[in-house]
Structures are given as structure tokens and as C-alpha cells.
Amino acid sequence: MRTKEEYYELVLQNRKLANDPEVLKCTCPETLCEWHGRCRECVALHKYHKDHVPACLQPFINEKLRELVKIGELVAIRKEKTPAEYRLYVRERDNEAATRSDSGQNDHGKKC
């Protein structure tokens, strides 16, 4: 176990790291994701849904688990990724909704 002083030094180091834009830069490969670069929101949503961990954390966790899975003579199978077309479709629908909103139409396509 670390001492109080060692812990304090770790906190100081983490504070310094948390102020470094490079450390805070989003490393997620899912650049089309609506929450890319908004890591706090992304993690909160993943916690809420309890479906899987964010894509940026998967390599780290998989590396840790790979050796453990081998011990039980098991095989880990990757979950299917969300297709890029789905993410582009969300953007397309959002743009359509924004266009309708800008043109003064309500959701039913009628002029206000």
C-alpha cells in the first residue's frame, strides 16, 4: 500500500495530467459517434445502458482480459460494431429535422 505522501504525489501528478490537452484528447476510433470528444457524456451513457464499455477503453480492457480468458481455455468474441452508415444516417436525419425546423414546418410537414 502506498503512503499518504506517495498518494499526495500521485494526486499532484494527476492534476498536472488533467490540465494537459493531449492527455484529455479523445482517442476513440468511432469518430462519427455523436459523443466523440465528449468523453464524460459518453462514459455516463455507457454506464447507464450497461451494454459495453466505450470503444476507446476496449483495447485496454481486452488486453487485460486476454490472458485471463486463456486460463479458462475460453475464447473471447468481439461484439459487432455499429456500422458507419448508421451514424451517418443519424446525422442525415438530424439535418432533415433542422431543415424542417428552419423552414417553419412542424413535425407533420404543415406550415405554422
C-alpha atoms as a PDB file:
ATOM      1  CA  MET A   1       0.000   0.000   0.000  1.00  0.00           C
ATOM      2  CA  ARG A   2       1.262   3.477  -0.803  1.00  0.00           C
ATOM      3  CA  THR A   3       1.930   6.032   1.885  1.00  0.00           C
ATOM      4  CA  LYS A   4      -0.033   9.252   2.323  1.00  0.00           C
ATOM      5  CA  GLU A   5       2.870  11.153   0.799  1.00  0.00           C
ATOM      6  CA  GLU A   6       3.021   8.827  -2.212  1.00  0.00           C
ATOM      7  CA  TYR A   7      -0.703   9.253  -2.674  1.00  0.00           C
ATOM      8  CA  TYR A   8      -0.368  13.027  -2.452  1.00  0.00           C
ATOM      9  CA  GLU A   9       2.360  12.980  -5.121  1.00  0.00           C
ATOM     10  CA  LEU A  10       0.107  10.863  -7.348  1.00  0.00           C
ATOM     11  CA  VAL A  11      -2.728  13.387  -6.932  1.00  0.00           C
ATOM     12  CA  LEU A  12      -0.375  16.230  -7.890  1.00  0.00           C
ATOM     13  CA  GLN A  13       0.770  14.304 -10.952  1.00  0.00           C
ATOM     14  CA  ASN A  14      -2.833  13.554 -11.959  1.00  0.00           C
ATOM     15  CA  ARG A  15      -3.802  17.209 -11.577  1.00  0.00           C
ATOM     16  CA  LYS A  16      -0.977  18.140 -13.921  1.00  0.00           C
ATOM     17  CA  LEU A  17      -2.034  15.466 -16.418  1.00  0.00           C
ATOM     18  CA  ALA A  18      -5.677  16.605 -16.265  1.00  0.00           C
ATOM     19  CA  ASN A  19      -4.561  20.068 -17.424  1.00  0.00           C
ATOM     20  CA  ASP A  20      -2.750  18.702 -20.481  1.00  0.00           C
ATOM     21  CA  PRO A  21      -4.939  18.946 -23.621  1.00  0.00           C
ATOM     22  CA  GLU A  22      -3.093  15.999 -25.199  1.00  0.00           C
ATOM     23  CA  VAL A  23      -3.992  13.749 -22.268  1.00  0.00           C
ATOM     24  CA  LEU A  24      -7.627  14.858 -22.458  1.00  0.00           C
ATOM     25  CA  LYS A  25      -7.835  14.407 -26.242  1.00  0.00           C
ATOM     26  CA  CYS A  26     -10.473  11.846 -27.246  1.00  0.00           C
ATOM     27  CA  THR A  27      -8.759   8.725 -28.583  1.00  0.00           C
ATOM     28  CA  CYS A  28     -11.919   6.883 -29.577  1.00  0.00           C
ATOM     29  CA  PRO A  29     -11.748   5.421 -33.091  1.00  0.00           C
ATOM     30  CA  GLU A  30     -15.508   5.963 -33.522  1.00  0.00           C
ATOM     31  CA  THR A  31     -15.102   9.489 -34.919  1.00  0.00           C
ATOM     32  CA  LEU A  32     -18.613   9.520 -36.397  1.00  0.00           C
ATOM     33  CA  CYS A  33     -20.137   8.916 -32.972  1.00  0.00           C
ATOM     34  CA  GLU A  34     -22.304  11.784 -31.742  1.00  0.00           C
ATOM     35  CA  TRP A  35     -20.433  11.768 -28.439  1.00  0.00           C
ATOM     36  CA  HIS A  36     -16.882  11.664 -29.884  1.00  0.00           C
ATOM     37  CA  GLY A  37     -14.809  14.168 -27.934  1.00  0.00           C
ATOM     38  CA  ARG A  38     -17.447  14.417 -25.214  1.00  0.00           C
ATOM     39  CA  CYS A  39     -15.945  11.643 -23.109  1.00  0.00           C
ATOM     40  CA  ARG A  40     -17.711  12.454 -19.860  1.00  0.00           C
ATOM     41  CA  GLU A  41     -21.122  12.150 -21.516  1.00  0.00           C
ATOM     42  CA  CYS A  42     -20.034   9.039 -23.434  1.00  0.00           C
ATOM     43  CA  VAL A  43     -18.898   7.212 -20.301  1.00  0.00           C
ATOM     44  CA  ALA A  44     -22.052   8.245 -18.436  1.00  0.00           C
ATOM     45  CA  LEU A  45     -24.232   6.838 -21.237  1.00  0.00           C
ATOM     46  CA  HIS A  46     -22.279   3.581 -21.324  1.00  0.00           C
ATOM     47  CA  LYS A  47     -22.645   3.280 -17.545  1.00  0.00           C
ATOM     48  CA  TYR A  48     -26.371   3.903 -17.813  1.00  0.00           C
ATOM     49  CA  HIS A  49     -27.017   1.345 -20.551  1.00  0.00           C
ATOM     50  CA  LYS A  50     -24.584  -1.258 -19.139  1.00  0.00           C
ATOM     51  CA  ASP A  51     -24.231  -2.704 -22.641  1.00  0.00           C
ATOM     52  CA  HIS A  52     -20.482  -2.427 -23.230  1.00  0.00           C
ATOM     53  CA  VAL A  53     -17.583  -0.128 -22.490  1.00  0.00           C
ATOM     54  CA  PRO A  54     -16.675   2.798 -24.753  1.00  0.00           C
ATOM     55  CA  ALA A  55     -14.649   1.863 -27.836  1.00  0.00           C
ATOM     56  CA  CYS A  56     -11.647   3.847 -26.595  1.00  0.00           C
ATOM     57  CA  LEU A  57     -11.377   1.640 -23.485  1.00  0.00           C
ATOM     58  CA  GLN A  58     -11.926  -1.701 -25.204  1.00  0.00           C
ATOM     59  CA  PRO A  59      -8.303  -2.282 -26.339  1.00  0.00           C
ATOM     60  CA  PHE A  60      -7.034  -1.623 -22.814  1.00  0.00           C
ATOM     61  CA  ILE A  61      -9.600  -3.901 -21.184  1.00  0.00           C
ATOM     62  CA  ASN A  62      -9.275  -6.605 -23.852  1.00  0.00           C
ATOM     63  CA  GLU A  63      -5.516  -6.677 -23.352  1.00  0.00           C
ATOM     64  CA  LYS A  64      -6.030  -7.226 -19.632  1.00  0.00           C
ATOM     65  CA  LEU A  65      -8.683  -9.890 -20.170  1.00  0.00           C
ATOM     66  CA  ARG A  66      -6.922 -11.792 -22.962  1.00  0.00           C
ATOM     67  CA  GLU A  67      -4.560 -13.602 -20.582  1.00  0.00           C
ATOM     68  CA  LEU A  68      -7.297 -14.261 -18.050  1.00  0.00           C
ATOM     69  CA  VAL A  69      -9.564 -15.793 -20.697  1.00  0.00           C
ATOM     70  CA  LYS A  70      -6.767 -18.116 -21.800  1.00  0.00           C
ATOM     71  CA  ILE A  71      -6.536 -19.567 -18.289  1.00  0.00           C
ATOM     72  CA  GLY A  72     -10.101 -20.850 -18.556  1.00  0.00           C
ATOM     73  CA  GLU A  73      -9.423 -22.101 -22.083  1.00  0.00           C
ATOM     74  CA  LEU A  74     -12.139 -19.795 -23.325  1.00  0.00           C
ATOM     75  CA  VAL A  75     -12.394 -17.681 -26.442  1.00  0.00           C
ATOM     76  CA  ALA A  76     -13.420 -14.045 -26.357  1.00  0.00           C
ATOM     77  CA  ILE A  77     -15.581 -12.922 -29.250  1.00  0.00           C
ATOM     78  CA  ARG A  78     -15.714  -9.309 -30.403  1.00  0.00           C
ATOM     79  CA  LYS A  79     -19.100  -7.641 -30.369  1.00  0.00           C
ATOM     80  CA  GLU A  80     -20.296  -6.412 -33.758  1.00  0.00           C
ATOM     81  CA  LYS A  81     -19.531  -2.705 -34.271  1.00  0.00           C
ATOM     82  CA  THR A  82     -22.201  -0.178 -35.164  1.00  0.00           C
ATOM     83  CA  PRO A  83     -21.931   0.369 -38.926  1.00  0.00           C
ATOM     84  CA  ALA A  84     -20.719   3.805 -40.021  1.00  0.00           C
ATOM     85  CA  GLU A  85     -23.823   4.052 -42.219  1.00  0.00           C
ATOM     86  CA  TYR A  86     -25.971   4.095 -39.081  1.00  0.00           C
ATOM     87  CA  ARG A  87     -24.031   7.024 -37.644  1.00  0.00           C
ATOM     88  CA  LEU A  88     -24.241   8.885 -40.958  1.00  0.00           C
ATOM     89  CA  TYR A  89     -27.983   8.170 -41.058  1.00  0.00           C
ATOM     90  CA  VAL A  90     -28.399   9.847 -37.660  1.00  0.00           C
ATOM     91  CA  ARG A  91     -26.634  12.948 -38.987  1.00  0.00           C
ATOM     92  CA  GLU A  92     -28.799  12.912 -42.111  1.00  0.00           C
ATOM     93  CA  ARG A  93     -31.998  12.698 -40.054  1.00  0.00           C
ATOM     94  CA  ASP A  94     -30.785  15.462 -37.721  1.00  0.00           C
ATOM     95  CA  ASN A  95     -30.063  17.681 -40.746  1.00  0.00           C
ATOM     96  CA  GLU A  96     -33.522  16.970 -42.164  1.00  0.00           C
ATOM     97  CA  ALA A  97     -35.122  17.862 -38.834  1.00  0.00           C
ATOM     98  CA  ALA A  98     -33.085  21.073 -38.635  1.00  0.00           C
ATOM     99  CA  THR A  99     -34.074  21.996 -42.203  1.00  0.00           C
ATOM    100  CA  ARG A 100     -37.764  21.433 -41.416  1.00  0.00           C
ATOM    101  CA  SER A 101     -37.392  23.494 -38.276  1.00  0.00           C
ATOM    102  CA  ASP A 102     -35.645  26.310 -40.150  1.00  0.00           C
ATOM    103  CA  SER A 103     -38.327  26.397 -42.843  1.00  0.00           C
ATOM    104  CA  GLY A 104     -41.082  26.901 -40.255  1.00  0.00           C
ATOM    105  CA  GLN A 105     -42.667  23.492 -40.526  1.00  0.00           C
ATOM    106  CA  ASN A 106     -43.770  21.392 -37.615  1.00  0.00           C
ATOM    107  CA  ASP A 107     -43.254  17.629 -37.358  1.00  0.00           C
ATOM    108  CA  HIS A 108     -46.278  16.956 -39.574  1.00  0.00           C
ATOM    109  CA  GLY A 109     -44.916  18.922 -42.519  1.00  0.00           C
ATOM    110  CA  LYS A 110     -47.539  21.680 -42.229  1.00  0.00           C
ATOM    111  CA  LYS A 111     -46.688  25.373 -42.277  1.00  0.00           C
ATOM    112  CA  CYS A 112     -47.048  27.071 -38.899  1.00  0.00           C
END
